[in-house]
N, C-alpha and C. Protein backbone atom coordinates (compact mmCIF):
# COMPACT_ATOMS: atom_id res chain seq x y z
N UNK A 1 28.60 49.70 -6.56
CA UNK A 1 27.51 50.12 -6.37
C UNK A 1 27.42 51.73 -6.72
N UNK A 2 28.35 52.26 -5.97
CA UNK A 2 28.45 53.84 -6.12
C UNK A 2 28.41 54.23 -7.81
N UNK A 3 29.07 53.36 -8.48
CA UNK A 3 29.11 53.60 -10.32
C UNK A 3 27.75 53.53 -10.48
N UNK A 4 27.01 52.71 -10.30
CA UNK A 4 25.53 51.94 -10.66
C UNK A 4 24.61 53.21 -10.35
N UNK A 5 25.01 53.99 -9.13
CA UNK A 5 24.05 55.01 -8.85
C UNK A 5 24.40 56.18 -9.51
N UNK A 6 25.44 56.33 -10.07
CA UNK A 6 25.90 57.52 -10.85
C UNK A 6 25.50 57.35 -12.34
N UNK A 7 25.57 56.51 -12.69
CA UNK A 7 24.94 55.91 -14.20
C UNK A 7 23.38 55.91 -13.88
N UNK A 8 22.75 55.93 -13.08
CA UNK A 8 21.11 55.69 -12.97
C UNK A 8 20.84 54.61 -13.21
N UNK A 9 21.81 53.18 -12.81
CA UNK A 9 21.43 51.78 -13.20
C UNK A 9 20.57 51.55 -11.93
N UNK A 10 21.05 52.21 -10.71
CA UNK A 10 20.28 51.71 -9.53
C UNK A 10 19.89 53.23 -9.08
N UNK A 11 18.91 53.18 -8.06
CA UNK A 11 18.47 54.50 -7.61
C UNK A 11 18.03 54.43 -5.94
N UNK A 12 18.69 55.27 -5.08
CA UNK A 12 18.27 55.32 -4.00
C UNK A 12 17.04 55.71 -3.43
N UNK A 13 16.36 55.15 -2.69
CA UNK A 13 15.06 55.33 -2.01
C UNK A 13 14.95 55.30 -0.90
N UNK A 14 15.34 56.47 -0.08
CA UNK A 14 15.19 56.46 1.41
C UNK A 14 13.78 56.00 2.05
N UNK A 15 13.84 55.15 2.98
CA UNK A 15 12.96 54.75 3.79
C UNK A 15 12.90 55.19 5.28
N UNK A 16 11.95 56.28 5.70
CA UNK A 16 12.17 56.87 7.02
C UNK A 16 11.91 55.50 8.20
N UNK A 17 11.20 54.80 7.78
CA UNK A 17 10.52 54.09 9.06
C UNK A 17 11.45 52.60 8.85
N UNK A 18 12.54 52.41 8.04
CA UNK A 18 13.44 51.59 7.87
C UNK A 18 14.85 51.58 8.70
N UNK A 19 15.12 50.95 9.99
CA UNK A 19 16.31 51.21 10.23
C UNK A 19 17.20 50.15 10.18
N UNK A 20 18.27 50.17 9.62
CA UNK A 20 19.25 48.69 9.54
C UNK A 20 20.33 49.20 10.81
N UNK A 21 20.77 48.08 10.82
CA UNK A 21 21.99 48.15 11.65
C UNK A 21 22.71 46.87 11.45
N UNK A 22 23.79 46.87 11.81
CA UNK A 22 24.66 45.62 11.85
C UNK A 22 25.74 45.83 12.73
N UNK A 23 26.08 45.13 13.55
CA UNK A 23 27.42 44.84 14.23
C UNK A 23 28.49 44.33 13.68
N UNK A 24 29.58 45.01 13.60
CA UNK A 24 30.69 44.62 12.83
C UNK A 24 31.87 44.66 13.70
N UNK A 25 33.08 43.43 13.63
CA UNK A 25 33.69 43.40 14.78
C UNK A 25 35.05 42.98 14.06
N UNK A 26 36.06 43.72 14.34
CA UNK A 26 37.34 43.47 13.54
C UNK A 26 38.41 42.81 14.91
N UNK A 27 38.56 41.44 14.69
CA UNK A 27 39.49 41.02 15.43
C UNK A 27 40.76 40.62 14.79
N UNK A 28 42.00 40.90 15.97
CA UNK A 28 43.18 40.48 15.02
C UNK A 28 44.38 40.02 16.26
N UNK A 29 45.39 39.38 16.04
CA UNK A 29 46.36 38.87 16.66
C UNK A 29 47.17 40.15 16.95
N UNK A 30 47.25 40.34 18.52
CA UNK A 30 47.94 41.69 18.71
C UNK A 30 49.37 41.61 18.36
N UNK A 31 50.34 40.40 18.16
CA UNK A 31 51.53 40.51 17.85
C UNK A 31 51.46 40.19 16.13
N UNK A 32 50.70 40.03 15.60
CA UNK A 32 50.74 40.56 14.05
C UNK A 32 50.05 41.83 13.53
N UNK A 33 50.98 42.52 12.83
CA UNK A 33 50.43 43.66 12.21
C UNK A 33 49.04 43.56 11.30
N UNK A 34 48.31 44.64 11.21
CA UNK A 34 47.17 44.63 10.39
C UNK A 34 47.40 44.78 8.92
N UNK A 35 47.14 44.13 8.05
CA UNK A 35 47.31 44.32 6.59
C UNK A 35 46.81 45.43 6.31
N UNK A 36 47.33 46.07 5.09
CA UNK A 36 46.73 47.46 4.59
C UNK A 36 45.48 47.53 4.45
N UNK A 37 44.73 46.70 3.75
CA UNK A 37 43.26 46.49 3.42
C UNK A 37 42.31 46.53 5.14
N UNK A 38 42.96 45.43 6.34
CA UNK A 38 42.30 45.83 7.26
C UNK A 38 42.17 46.98 8.06
N UNK A 39 43.64 47.90 8.08
CA UNK A 39 43.85 49.07 8.65
C UNK A 39 42.62 50.02 7.83
N UNK A 40 42.97 49.86 6.59
CA UNK A 40 41.75 50.81 5.60
C UNK A 40 40.31 50.55 6.12
N UNK A 41 40.24 49.40 6.33
CA UNK A 41 38.48 48.99 6.89
C UNK A 41 38.38 49.53 8.10
N UNK A 42 39.22 49.33 9.00
CA UNK A 42 39.26 49.68 10.45
C UNK A 42 39.20 51.65 10.55
N UNK A 43 39.74 52.07 9.50
CA UNK A 43 39.73 53.96 9.50
C UNK A 43 38.29 53.72 8.74
N UNK A 44 37.82 53.30 8.11
CA UNK A 44 36.58 53.50 7.43
C UNK A 44 35.37 53.23 8.22
N UNK A 45 35.71 52.49 9.42
CA UNK A 45 34.55 51.67 10.35
C UNK A 45 34.57 52.94 11.26
N UNK A 46 35.87 53.40 11.77
CA UNK A 46 35.65 54.68 12.91
C UNK A 46 35.04 55.83 12.01
N UNK A 47 35.27 56.33 10.86
CA UNK A 47 34.86 57.37 10.45
C UNK A 47 33.15 57.25 10.27
N UNK A 48 32.65 55.84 10.05
CA UNK A 48 31.27 55.80 9.71
C UNK A 48 30.53 55.93 11.19
N UNK A 49 31.48 55.34 12.11
CA UNK A 49 30.70 55.33 13.46
C UNK A 49 30.49 56.68 14.05
N UNK A 50 31.68 57.70 13.96
CA UNK A 50 31.97 59.00 13.91
C UNK A 50 30.69 59.91 13.36
N UNK A 51 30.42 59.53 11.97
CA UNK A 51 29.35 60.31 11.49
C UNK A 51 28.03 60.02 11.83
N UNK A 52 27.80 58.41 12.32
CA UNK A 52 26.46 58.16 12.54
C UNK A 52 26.04 58.50 14.29
N UNK A 53 27.22 58.47 14.76
CA UNK A 53 26.88 59.22 16.23
C UNK A 53 26.37 60.66 16.27
N UNK A 54 27.45 61.67 15.66
CA UNK A 54 27.12 62.97 15.18
C UNK A 54 25.34 63.32 14.62
N UNK A 55 25.25 62.26 13.76
CA UNK A 55 23.78 62.24 12.85
C UNK A 55 22.66 62.06 13.90
N UNK A 56 23.10 61.20 14.96
CA UNK A 56 21.98 60.59 16.04
C UNK A 56 21.97 62.00 16.89
N UNK A 57 22.62 62.93 16.98
CA UNK A 57 22.69 63.60 17.82
C UNK A 57 23.23 63.66 19.34
């Protein structure tokens, strides 16, 4: 999607009145290590959560 935005195929249109939220859970087995993809996803979610909390004030 980022590439489509850069190429102008898609256009981002902010809507002030629209607030989208979604709950995401990461469940794992304690004795099994997370895969590389799961660790990367977890770190991405942590960064997004931190950024959204800072933006909310």
